[in-house]
Amino acid sequence: MKRSKAHLTLVGFGLLSLISSCGLTQREPEHSGAFYTGKYRNLFTEWDIATSTEVQAKLDAYWNSLFASTDNERRVYYSAGSNENGPMAYIADIGNNDVRSEGMSYGM
């Protein structure tokens, strides 16, 4: 079946109209999220999984295990002296048993 240019143009404008009416246009970013308000949700406490004290105790235990510990089987953060800019350290890439710039994501 042969279609005319006018028919295809009409269909194209119809699709553009449909897309714009579905909210697929660029919107302004919201300024009410945690970054702007400083209030970060804690789903463990919101869903009654744990108390604030229990959540904080687990976070402290994880922090101490990975960053403050001297147990080389558990920690990923290692002090590496200091220079004129202050203390230095590295985060080990435990997946490859070396240090890389990508290894920093383990500490984030």
PDB file of N, CA and C in Angstrom:
ATOM      1  N   MET A   1       0.845  -1.169   0.000  1.00  0.00           N
ATOM      2  CA  MET A   1       0.000   0.000   0.000  1.00  0.00           C
ATOM      3  C   MET A   1       0.894   1.235   0.000  1.00  0.00           C
ATOM      4  N   LYS A   2       0.584   2.164  -0.835  1.00  0.00           N
ATOM      5  CA  LYS A   2       1.387   3.366  -0.984  1.00  0.00           C
ATOM      6  C   LYS A   2       0.877   4.432  -0.015  1.00  0.00           C
ATOM      7  N   ARG A   3       1.811   5.005   0.759  1.00  0.00           N
ATOM      8  CA  ARG A   3       1.427   6.039   1.724  1.00  0.00           C
ATOM      9  C   ARG A   3       1.951   7.374   1.223  1.00  0.00           C
ATOM     10  N   SER A   4       1.160   8.372   1.429  1.00  0.00           N
ATOM     11  CA  SER A   4       1.565   9.704   0.987  1.00  0.00           C
ATOM     12  C   SER A   4       2.411  10.383   2.060  1.00  0.00           C
ATOM     13  N   LYS A   5       3.176  11.382   1.653  1.00  0.00           N
ATOM     14  CA  LYS A   5       3.979  12.157   2.592  1.00  0.00           C
ATOM     15  C   LYS A   5       3.086  12.873   3.592  1.00  0.00           C
ATOM     16  N   ALA A   6       1.950  13.339   3.158  1.00  0.00           N
ATOM     17  CA  ALA A   6       1.025  14.043   4.058  1.00  0.00           C
ATOM     18  C   ALA A   6       0.524  13.102   5.145  1.00  0.00           C
ATOM     19  N   HIS A   7       0.234  11.865   4.774  1.00  0.00           N
ATOM     20  CA  HIS A   7      -0.242  10.888   5.748  1.00  0.00           C
ATOM     21  C   HIS A   7       0.833  10.602   6.789  1.00  0.00           C
ATOM     22  N   LEU A   8       2.064  10.385   6.359  1.00  0.00           N
ATOM     23  CA  LEU A   8       3.166  10.123   7.280  1.00  0.00           C
ATOM     24  C   LEU A   8       3.460  11.323   8.168  1.00  0.00           C
ATOM     25  N   THR A   9       3.363  12.517   7.615  1.00  0.00           N
ATOM     26  CA  THR A   9       3.567  13.729   8.395  1.00  0.00           C
ATOM     27  C   THR A   9       2.497  13.837   9.477  1.00  0.00           C
ATOM     28  N   LEU A  10       1.268  13.555   9.138  1.00  0.00           N
ATOM     29  CA  LEU A  10       0.165  13.610  10.088  1.00  0.00           C
ATOM     30  C   LEU A  10       0.366  12.595  11.215  1.00  0.00           C
ATOM     31  N   VAL A  11       0.785  11.391  10.862  1.00  0.00           N
ATOM     32  CA  VAL A  11       1.060  10.368  11.870  1.00  0.00           C
ATOM     33  C   VAL A  11       2.212  10.812  12.772  1.00  0.00           C
ATOM     34  N   GLY A  12       3.256  11.379  12.195  1.00  0.00           N
ATOM     35  CA  GLY A  12       4.395  11.868  12.974  1.00  0.00           C
ATOM     36  C   GLY A  12       3.999  12.934  13.972  1.00  0.00           C
ATOM     37  N   PHE A  13       3.203  13.918  13.528  1.00  0.00           N
ATOM     38  CA  PHE A  13       2.736  14.964  14.458  1.00  0.00           C
ATOM     39  C   PHE A  13       1.837  14.376  15.532  1.00  0.00           C
ATOM     40  N   GLY A  14       1.053  13.381  15.168  1.00  0.00           N
ATOM     41  CA  GLY A  14       0.196  12.720  16.164  1.00  0.00           C
ATOM     42  C   GLY A  14       1.016  12.037  17.234  1.00  0.00           C
ATOM     43  N   LEU A  15       2.099  11.344  16.829  1.00  0.00           N
ATOM     44  CA  LEU A  15       2.974  10.686  17.795  1.00  0.00           C
ATOM     45  C   LEU A  15       3.677  11.697  18.693  1.00  0.00           C
ATOM     46  N   LEU A  16       4.148  12.787  18.131  1.00  0.00           N
ATOM     47  CA  LEU A  16       4.785  13.825  18.940  1.00  0.00           C
ATOM     48  C   LEU A  16       3.814  14.408  19.955  1.00  0.00           C
ATOM     49  N   SER A  17       2.594  14.624  19.524  1.00  0.00           N
ATOM     50  CA  SER A  17       1.566  15.149  20.419  1.00  0.00           C
ATOM     51  C   SER A  17       1.285  14.166  21.549  1.00  0.00           C
ATOM     52  N   LEU A  18       1.216  12.884  21.232  1.00  0.00           N
ATOM     53  CA  LEU A  18       0.971  11.848  22.227  1.00  0.00           C
ATOM     54  C   LEU A  18       2.108  11.771  23.236  1.00  0.00           C
ATOM     55  N   ILE A  19       3.340  11.810  22.752  1.00  0.00           N
ATOM     56  CA  ILE A  19       4.502  11.740  23.638  1.00  0.00           C
ATOM     57  C   ILE A  19       4.536  12.934  24.587  1.00  0.00           C
ATOM     58  N   SER A  20       4.289  14.116  24.073  1.00  0.00           N
ATOM     59  CA  SER A  20       4.348  15.295  24.931  1.00  0.00           C
ATOM     60  C   SER A  20       3.208  15.307  25.952  1.00  0.00           C
ATOM     61  N   SER A  21       2.069  14.710  25.621  1.00  0.00           N
ATOM     62  CA  SER A  21       0.961  14.682  26.567  1.00  0.00           C
ATOM     63  C   SER A  21       1.134  13.608  27.629  1.00  0.00           C
ATOM     64  N   CYS A  22       2.078  12.677  27.438  1.00  0.00           N
ATOM     65  CA  CYS A  22       2.309  11.605  28.411  1.00  0.00           C
ATOM     66  C   CYS A  22       3.312  12.017  29.483  1.00  0.00           C
ATOM     67  N   GLY A  23       3.754  13.234  29.485  1.00  0.00           N
ATOM     68  CA  GLY A  23       4.686  13.688  30.501  1.00  0.00           C
ATOM     69  C   GLY A  23       6.123  13.286  30.232  1.00  0.00           C
ATOM     70  N   LEU A  24       6.470  12.970  29.018  1.00  0.00           N
ATOM     71  CA  LEU A  24       7.829  12.575  28.696  1.00  0.00           C
ATOM     72  C   LEU A  24       8.712  13.763  28.351  1.00  0.00           C
ATOM     73  N   THR A  25       8.214  14.946  28.618  1.00  0.00           N
ATOM     74  CA  THR A  25       9.019  16.129  28.384  1.00  0.00           C
ATOM     75  C   THR A  25       9.938  16.357  29.583  1.00  0.00           C
ATOM     76  N   GLN A  26      10.935  17.153  29.414  1.00  0.00           N
ATOM     77  CA  GLN A  26      11.881  17.427  30.487  1.00  0.00           C
ATOM     78  C   GLN A  26      11.202  18.230  31.585  1.00  0.00           C
ATOM     79  N   ARG A  27      11.384  17.774  32.833  1.00  0.00           N
ATOM     80  CA  ARG A  27      10.784  18.458  33.973  1.00  0.00           C
ATOM     81  C   ARG A  27      11.857  19.141  34.803  1.00  0.00           C
ATOM     82  N   GLU A  28      11.418  20.095  35.586  1.00  0.00           N
ATOM     83  CA  GLU A  28      12.319  20.736  36.531  1.00  0.00           C
ATOM     84  C   GLU A  28      12.638  19.753  37.657  1.00  0.00           C
ATOM     85  N   PRO A  29      13.867  19.735  38.158  1.00  0.00           N
ATOM     86  CA  PRO A  29      14.191  18.822  39.257  1.00  0.00           C
ATOM     87  C   PRO A  29      13.473  19.235  40.541  1.00  0.00           C
ATOM     88  N   GLU A  30      13.127  18.233  41.335  1.00  0.00           N
ATOM     89  CA  GLU A  30      12.486  18.522  42.617  1.00  0.00           C
ATOM     90  C   GLU A  30      13.537  18.986  43.608  1.00  0.00           C
ATOM     91  N   HIS A  31      13.147  19.864  44.483  1.00  0.00           N
ATOM     92  CA  HIS A  31      14.067  20.376  45.500  1.00  0.00           C
ATOM     93  C   HIS A  31      13.561  20.031  46.895  1.00  0.00           C
ATOM     94  N   SER A  32      12.906  18.884  47.018  1.00  0.00           N
ATOM     95  CA  SER A  32      12.379  18.499  48.316  1.00  0.00           C
ATOM     96  C   SER A  32      12.953  17.172  48.804  1.00  0.00           C
ATOM     97  N   GLY A  33      13.940  16.637  48.111  1.00  0.00           N
ATOM     98  CA  GLY A  33      14.535  15.362  48.502  1.00  0.00           C
ATOM     99  C   GLY A  33      15.496  15.512  49.666  1.00  0.00           C
ATOM    100  N   ALA A  34      16.070  14.389  50.078  1.00  0.00           N
ATOM    101  CA  ALA A  34      16.947  14.350  51.248  1.00  0.00           C
ATOM    102  C   ALA A  34      18.159  15.259  51.093  1.00  0.00           C
ATOM    103  N   PHE A  35      18.683  15.373  49.893  1.00  0.00           N
ATOM    104  CA  PHE A  35      19.854  16.236  49.675  1.00  0.00           C
ATOM    105  C   PHE A  35      19.549  17.671  50.077  1.00  0.00           C
ATOM    106  N   TYR A  36      18.356  18.133  49.747  1.00  0.00           N
ATOM    107  CA  TYR A  36      17.982  19.522  50.027  1.00  0.00           C
ATOM    108  C   TYR A  36      17.482  19.723  51.446  1.00  0.00           C
ATOM    109  N   THR A  37      16.792  18.729  51.994  1.00  0.00           N
ATOM    110  CA  THR A  37      16.199  18.897  53.328  1.00  0.00           C
ATOM    111  C   THR A  37      17.126  18.455  54.444  1.00  0.00           C
ATOM    112  N   GLY A  38      18.095  17.575  54.124  1.00  0.00           N
ATOM    113  CA  GLY A  38      18.977  17.047  55.164  1.00  0.00           C
ATOM    114  C   GLY A  38      18.334  15.931  55.966  1.00  0.00           C
ATOM    115  N   LYS A  39      17.146  15.502  55.573  1.00  0.00           N
ATOM    116  CA  LYS A  39      16.436  14.431  56.280  1.00  0.00           C
ATOM    117  C   LYS A  39      16.471  13.170  55.422  1.00  0.00           C
ATOM    118  N   TYR A  40      17.233  12.185  55.883  1.00  0.00           N
ATOM    119  CA  TYR A  40      17.383  10.932  55.156  1.00  0.00           C
ATOM    120  C   TYR A  40      16.513   9.867  55.807  1.00  0.00           C
ATOM    121  N   ARG A  41      15.737   9.165  54.992  1.00  0.00           N
ATOM    122  CA  ARG A  41      14.831   8.152  55.511  1.00  0.00           C
ATOM    123  C   ARG A  41      15.602   6.940  56.017  1.00  0.00           C
ATOM    124  N   ASN A  42      15.084   6.317  57.053  1.00  0.00           N
ATOM    125  CA  ASN A  42      15.637   5.083  57.577  1.00  0.00           C
ATOM    126  C   ASN A  42      14.521   4.040  57.501  1.00  0.00           C
ATOM    127  N   LEU A  43      14.534   3.254  56.439  1.00  0.00           N
ATOM    128  CA  LEU A  43      13.456   2.295  56.222  1.00  0.00           C
ATOM    129  C   LEU A  43      13.433   1.195  57.268  1.00  0.00           C
ATOM    130  N   PHE A  44      14.561   0.904  57.895  1.00  0.00           N
ATOM    131  CA  PHE A  44      14.571  -0.103  58.954  1.00  0.00           C
ATOM    132  C   PHE A  44      13.675   0.332  60.116  1.00  0.00           C
ATOM    133  N   THR A  45      13.750   1.601  60.481  1.00  0.00           N
ATOM    134  CA  THR A  45      12.910   2.076  61.576  1.00  0.00           C
ATOM    135  C   THR A  45      11.484   2.379  61.111  1.00  0.00           C
ATOM    136  N   GLU A  46      11.338   2.871  59.885  1.00  0.00           N
ATOM    137  CA  GLU A  46       9.999   3.165  59.366  1.00  0.00           C
ATOM    138  C   GLU A  46       9.156   1.904  59.255  1.00  0.00           C
ATOM    139  N   TRP A  47       9.766   0.797  58.911  1.00  0.00           N
ATOM    140  CA  TRP A  47       9.034  -0.458  58.727  1.00  0.00           C
ATOM    141  C   TRP A  47       9.089  -1.339  59.973  1.00  0.00           C
ATOM    142  N   ASP A  48       9.538  -0.769  61.096  1.00  0.00           N
ATOM    143  CA  ASP A  48       9.615  -1.486  62.381  1.00  0.00           C
ATOM    144  C   ASP A  48      10.463  -2.756  62.309  1.00  0.00           C
ATOM    145  N   ILE A  49      11.535  -2.704  61.541  1.00  0.00           N
ATOM    146  CA  ILE A  49      12.459  -3.834  61.463  1.00  0.00           C
ATOM    147  C   ILE A  49      13.451  -3.764  62.618  1.00  0.00           C
ATOM    148  N   ALA A  50      13.835  -2.545  62.987  1.00  0.00           N
ATOM    149  CA  ALA A  50      14.806  -2.348  64.064  1.00  0.00           C
ATOM    150  C   ALA A  50      14.609  -0.958  64.655  1.00  0.00           C
ATOM    151  N   THR A  51      15.117  -0.773  65.861  1.00  0.00           N
ATOM    152  CA  THR A  51      15.076   0.547  66.489  1.00  0.00           C
ATOM    153  C   THR A  51      16.249   1.373  65.990  1.00  0.00           C
ATOM    154  N   SER A  52      16.207   2.662  66.221  1.00  0.00           N
ATOM    155  CA  SER A  52      17.316   3.544  65.823  1.00  0.00           C
ATOM    156  C   SER A  52      18.614   3.110  66.494  1.00  0.00           C
ATOM    157  N   THR A  53      18.522   2.692  67.750  1.00  0.00           N
ATOM    158  CA  THR A  53      19.708   2.255  68.491  1.00  0.00           C
ATOM    159  C   THR A  53      20.302   1.001  67.869  1.00  0.00           C
ATOM    160  N   GLU A  54      19.443   0.045  67.479  1.00  0.00           N
ATOM    161  CA  GLU A  54      19.928  -1.182  66.844  1.00  0.00           C
ATOM    162  C   GLU A  54      20.574  -0.898  65.492  1.00  0.00           C
ATOM    163  N   VAL A  55      19.956  -0.025  64.711  1.00  0.00           N
ATOM    164  CA  VAL A  55      20.512   0.340  63.404  1.00  0.00           C
ATOM    165  C   VAL A  55      21.872   0.990  63.582  1.00  0.00           C
ATOM    166  N   GLN A  56      21.991   1.929  64.524  1.00  0.00           N
ATOM    167  CA  GLN A  56      23.262   2.611  64.753  1.00  0.00           C
ATOM    168  C   GLN A  56      24.332   1.646  65.237  1.00  0.00           C
ATOM    169  N   ALA A  57      23.955   0.685  66.087  1.00  0.00           N
ATOM    170  CA  ALA A  57      24.919  -0.304  66.582  1.00  0.00           C
ATOM    171  C   ALA A  57      25.464  -1.151  65.429  1.00  0.00           C
ATOM    172  N   LYS A  58      24.602  -1.560  64.497  1.00  0.00           N
ATOM    173  CA  LYS A  58      25.070  -2.347  63.354  1.00  0.00           C
ATOM    174  C   LYS A  58      25.971  -1.519  62.445  1.00  0.00           C
ATOM    175  N   LEU A  59      25.599  -0.267  62.195  1.00  0.00           N
ATOM    176  CA  LEU A  59      26.442   0.595  61.360  1.00  0.00           C
ATOM    177  C   LEU A  59      27.811   0.801  61.997  1.00  0.00           C
ATOM    178  N   ASP A  60      27.828   1.018  63.298  1.00  0.00           N
ATOM    179  CA  ASP A  60      29.102   1.191  64.008  1.00  0.00           C
ATOM    180  C   ASP A  60      29.957  -0.069  63.914  1.00  0.00           C
ATOM    181  N   ALA A  61      29.322  -1.233  64.052  1.00  0.00           N
ATOM    182  CA  ALA A  61      30.062  -2.498  63.974  1.00  0.00           C
ATOM    183  C   ALA A  61      30.653  -2.690  62.578  1.00  0.00           C
ATOM    184  N   TYR A  62      29.868  -2.385  61.542  1.00  0.00           N
ATOM    185  CA  TYR A  62      30.380  -2.509  60.173  1.00  0.00           C
ATOM    186  C   TYR A  62      31.538  -1.532  59.943  1.00  0.00           C
ATOM    187  N   TRP A  63      31.367  -0.287  60.382  1.00  0.00           N
ATOM    188  CA  TRP A  63      32.425   0.721  60.214  1.00  0.00           C
ATOM    189  C   TRP A  63      33.707   0.253  60.896  1.00  0.00           C
ATOM    190  N   ASN A  64      33.574  -0.182  62.142  1.00  0.00           N
ATOM    191  CA  ASN A  64      34.756  -0.624  62.886  1.00  0.00           C
ATOM    192  C   ASN A  64      35.411  -1.827  62.221  1.00  0.00           C
ATOM    193  N   SER A  65      34.612  -2.742  61.704  1.00  0.00           N
ATOM    194  CA  SER A  65      35.139  -3.934  61.065  1.00  0.00           C
ATOM    195  C   SER A  65      35.906  -3.611  59.776  1.00  0.00           C
ATOM    196  N   LEU A  66      35.360  -2.721  58.964  1.00  0.00           N
ATOM    197  CA  LEU A  66      35.948  -2.442  57.654  1.00  0.00           C
ATOM    198  C   LEU A  66      36.985  -1.325  57.653  1.00  0.00           C
ATOM    199  N   PHE A  67      36.853  -0.367  58.562  1.00  0.00           N
ATOM    200  CA  PHE A  67      37.718   0.809  58.499  1.00  0.00           C
ATOM    201  C   PHE A  67      38.619   0.993  59.711  1.00  0.00           C
ATOM    202  N   ALA A  68      38.184   0.638  60.898  1.00  0.00           N
ATOM    203  CA  ALA A  68      38.976   0.890  62.105  1.00  0.00           C
ATOM    204  C   ALA A  68      39.694  -0.353  62.609  1.00  0.00           C
ATOM    205  N   SER A  69      39.349  -1.500  62.098  1.00  0.00           N
ATOM    206  CA  SER A  69      39.905  -2.765  62.563  1.00  0.00           C
ATOM    207  C   SER A  69      41.374  -2.918  62.176  1.00  0.00           C
ATOM    208  N   THR A  70      42.065  -3.770  62.920  1.00  0.00           N
ATOM    209  CA  THR A  70      43.432  -4.153  62.544  1.00  0.00           C
ATOM    210  C   THR A  70      43.444  -5.573  61.984  1.00  0.00           C
ATOM    211  N   ASP A  71      42.260  -6.181  61.843  1.00  0.00           N
ATOM    212  CA  ASP A  71      42.127  -7.541  61.301  1.00  0.00           C
ATOM    213  C   ASP A  71      42.223  -7.479  59.775  1.00  0.00           C
ATOM    214  N   ASN A  72      43.323  -7.933  59.230  1.00  0.00           N
ATOM    215  CA  ASN A  72      43.538  -7.867  57.782  1.00  0.00           C
ATOM    216  C   ASN A  72      42.605  -8.769  56.986  1.00  0.00           C
ATOM    217  N   GLU A  73      41.901  -9.662  57.645  1.00  0.00           N
ATOM    218  CA  GLU A  73      40.923 -10.510  56.966  1.00  0.00           C
ATOM    219  C   GLU A  73      39.595  -9.783  56.750  1.00  0.00           C
ATOM    220  N   ARG A  74      39.368  -8.688  57.485  1.00  0.00           N
ATOM    221  CA  ARG A  74      38.078  -8.003  57.413  1.00  0.00           C
ATOM    222  C   ARG A  74      38.175  -6.569  56.886  1.00  0.00           C
ATOM    223  N   ARG A  75      39.239  -5.896  57.182  1.00  0.00           N
ATOM    224  CA  ARG A  75      39.286  -4.474  56.841  1.00  0.00           C
ATOM    225  C   ARG A  75      39.616  -4.245  55.376  1.00  0.00           C
ATOM    226  N   VAL A  76      39.206  -3.074  54.872  1.00  0.00           N
ATOM    227  CA  VAL A  76      39.526  -2.676  53.499  1.00  0.00           C
ATOM    228  C   VAL A  76      40.287  -1.352  53.474  1.00  0.00           C
ATOM    229  N   TYR A  77      40.292  -0.630  54.587  1.00  0.00           N
ATOM    230  CA  TYR A  77      40.933   0.682  54.674  1.00  0.00           C
ATOM    231  C   TYR A  77      42.285   0.538  55.363  1.00  0.00           C
ATOM    232  N   TYR A  78      43.325   1.093  54.743  1.00  0.00           N
ATOM    233  CA  TYR A  78      44.674   0.994  55.292  1.00  0.00           C
ATOM    234  C   TYR A  78      45.330   2.375  55.307  1.00  0.00           C
ATOM    235  N   SER A  79      45.829   2.769  56.466  1.00  0.00           N
ATOM    236  CA  SER A  79      46.588   4.015  56.570  1.00  0.00           C
ATOM    237  C   SER A  79      47.893   3.860  55.809  1.00  0.00           C
ATOM    238  N   ALA A  80      48.353   4.962  55.214  1.00  0.00           N
ATOM    239  CA  ALA A  80      49.592   4.901  54.429  1.00  0.00           C
ATOM    240  C   ALA A  80      50.464   6.106  54.703  1.00  0.00           C
ATOM    241  N   GLY A  81      50.591   6.478  55.977  1.00  0.00           N
ATOM    242  CA  GLY A  81      51.452   7.601  56.332  1.00  0.00           C
ATOM    243  C   GLY A  81      50.787   8.933  56.065  1.00  0.00           C
ATOM    244  N   SER A  82      51.617   9.931  55.818  1.00  0.00           N
ATOM    245  CA  SER A  82      51.088  11.269  55.543  1.00  0.00           C
ATOM    246  C   SER A  82      52.080  12.031  54.675  1.00  0.00           C
ATOM    247  N   ASN A  83      51.596  13.116  54.110  1.00  0.00           N
ATOM    248  CA  ASN A  83      52.457  14.015  53.346  1.00  0.00           C
ATOM    249  C   ASN A  83      52.073  15.442  53.702  1.00  0.00           C
ATOM    250  N   GLU A  84      52.526  16.410  52.925  1.00  0.00           N
ATOM    251  CA  GLU A  84      52.252  17.811  53.243  1.00  0.00           C
ATOM    252  C   GLU A  84      50.760  18.150  53.196  1.00  0.00           C
ATOM    253  N   ASN A  85      49.963  17.303  52.545  1.00  0.00           N
ATOM    254  CA  ASN A  85      48.517  17.540  52.469  1.00  0.00           C
ATOM    255  C   ASN A  85      47.738  16.877  53.594  1.00  0.00           C
ATOM    256  N   GLY A  86      48.405  16.062  54.406  1.00  0.00           N
ATOM    257  CA  GLY A  86      47.733  15.400  55.511  1.00  0.00           C
ATOM    258  C   GLY A  86      47.852  13.893  55.433  1.00  0.00           C
ATOM    259  N   PRO A  87      47.004  13.196  56.196  1.00  0.00           N
ATOM    260  CA  PRO A  87      47.086  11.731  56.224  1.00  0.00           C
ATOM    261  C   PRO A  87      46.756  11.110  54.868  1.00  0.00           C
ATOM    262  N   MET A  88      47.400   9.980  54.593  1.00  0.00           N
ATOM    263  CA  MET A  88      47.130   9.248  53.360  1.00  0.00           C
ATOM    264  C   MET A  88      46.620   7.855  53.721  1.00  0.00           C
ATOM    265  N   ALA A  89      45.844   7.268  52.827  1.00  0.00           N
ATOM    266  CA  ALA A  89      45.326   5.920  53.036  1.00  0.00           C
ATOM    267  C   ALA A  89      44.913   5.354  51.689  1.00  0.00           C
ATOM    268  N   TYR A  90      44.632   4.084  51.672  1.00  0.00           N
ATOM    269  CA  TYR A  90      44.093   3.467  50.464  1.00  0.00           C
ATOM    270  C   TYR A  90      43.029   2.456  50.862  1.00  0.00           C
ATOM    271  N   ILE A  91      42.184   2.124  49.905  1.00  0.00           N
ATOM    272  CA  ILE A  91      41.157   1.102  50.096  1.00  0.00           C
ATOM    273  C   ILE A  91      41.505  -0.044  49.169  1.00  0.00           C
ATOM    274  N   ALA A  92      41.655  -1.216  49.751  1.00  0.00           N
ATOM    275  CA  ALA A  92      42.068  -2.390  48.977  1.00  0.00           C
ATOM    276  C   ALA A  92      40.915  -2.898  48.121  1.00  0.00           C
ATOM    277  N   ASP A  93      41.254  -3.333  46.936  1.00  0.00           N
ATOM    278  CA  ASP A  93      40.299  -3.992  46.052  1.00  0.00           C
ATOM    279  C   ASP A  93      40.326  -5.473  46.429  1.00  0.00           C
ATOM    280  N   ILE A  94      39.393  -5.876  47.294  1.00  0.00           N
ATOM    281  CA  ILE A  94      39.417  -7.239  47.822  1.00  0.00           C
ATOM    282  C   ILE A  94      39.045  -8.284  46.773  1.00  0.00           C
ATOM    283  N   GLY A  95      38.428  -7.845  45.690  1.00  0.00           N
ATOM    284  CA  GLY A  95      38.071  -8.779  44.630  1.00  0.00           C
ATOM    285  C   GLY A  95      39.262  -9.217  43.809  1.00  0.00           C
ATOM    286  N   ASN A  96      40.286  -8.352  43.720  1.00  0.00           N
ATOM    287  CA  ASN A  96      41.463  -8.654  42.901  1.00  0.00           C
ATOM    288  C   ASN A  96      42.754  -8.652  43.703  1.00  0.00           C
ATOM    289  N   ASN A  97      42.640  -8.450  45.004  1.00  0.00           N
ATOM    290  CA  ASN A  97      43.790  -8.459  45.905  1.00  0.00           C
ATOM    291  C   ASN A  97      44.872  -7.467  45.474  1.00  0.00           C
ATOM    292  N   ASP A  98      44.447  -6.254  45.140  1.00  0.00           N
ATOM    293  CA  ASP A  98      45.383  -5.186  44.831  1.00  0.00           C
ATOM    294  C   ASP A  98      44.711  -3.843  45.099  1.00  0.00           C
ATOM    295  N   VAL A  99      45.359  -2.784  44.705  1.00  0.00           N
ATOM    296  CA  VAL A  99      44.816  -1.443  44.911  1.00  0.00           C
ATOM    297  C   VAL A  99      44.663  -0.797  43.547  1.00  0.00           C
ATOM    298  N   ARG A 100      43.502  -0.237  43.290  1.00  0.00           N
ATOM    299  CA  ARG A 100      43.228   0.453  42.041  1.00  0.00           C
ATOM    300  C   ARG A 100      42.409   1.683  42.341  1.00  0.00           C
ATOM    301  N   SER A 101      42.300   2.563  41.390  1.00  0.00           N
ATOM    302  CA  SER A 101      41.447   3.724  41.610  1.00  0.00           C
ATOM    303  C   SER A 101      39.990   3.302  41.726  1.00  0.00           C
ATOM    304  N   GLU A 102      39.585   2.222  41.020  1.00  0.00           N
ATOM    305  CA  GLU A 102      38.213   1.762  41.113  1.00  0.00           C
ATOM    306  C   GLU A 102      37.928   1.179  42.494  1.00  0.00           C
ATOM    307  N   GLY A 103      38.968   0.777  43.202  1.00  0.00           N
ATOM    308  CA  GLY A 103      38.787   0.210  44.535  1.00  0.00           C
ATOM    309  C   GLY A 103      38.179   1.199  45.515  1.00  0.00           C
ATOM    310  N   MET A 104      38.229   2.474  45.182  1.00  0.00           N
ATOM    311  CA  MET A 104      37.640   3.488  46.064  1.00  0.00           C
ATOM    312  C   MET A 104      36.147   3.282  46.232  1.00  0.00           C
ATOM    313  N   SER A 105      35.490   2.695  45.253  1.00  0.00           N
ATOM    314  CA  SER A 105      34.046   2.499  45.367  1.00  0.00           C
ATOM    315  C   SER A 105      33.699   1.557  46.519  1.00  0.00           C
ATOM    316  N   TYR A 106      34.631   0.695  46.914  1.00  0.00           N
ATOM    317  CA  TYR A 106      34.372  -0.185  48.059  1.00  0.00           C
ATOM    318  C   TYR A 106      34.181   0.631  49.331  1.00  0.00           C
ATOM    319  N   GLY A 107      34.789   1.786  49.405  1.00  0.00           N
ATOM    320  CA  GLY A 107      34.701   2.603  50.600  1.00  0.00           C
ATOM    321  C   GLY A 107      33.578   3.610  50.575  1.00  0.00           C
ATOM    322  N   MET A 108      32.870   3.682  49.491  1.00  0.00           N
ATOM    323  CA  MET A 108      31.794   4.683  49.394  1.00  0.00           C
ATOM    324  C   MET A 108      30.515   4.183  49.998  1.00  0.00           C
TER     325      MET A 108
END
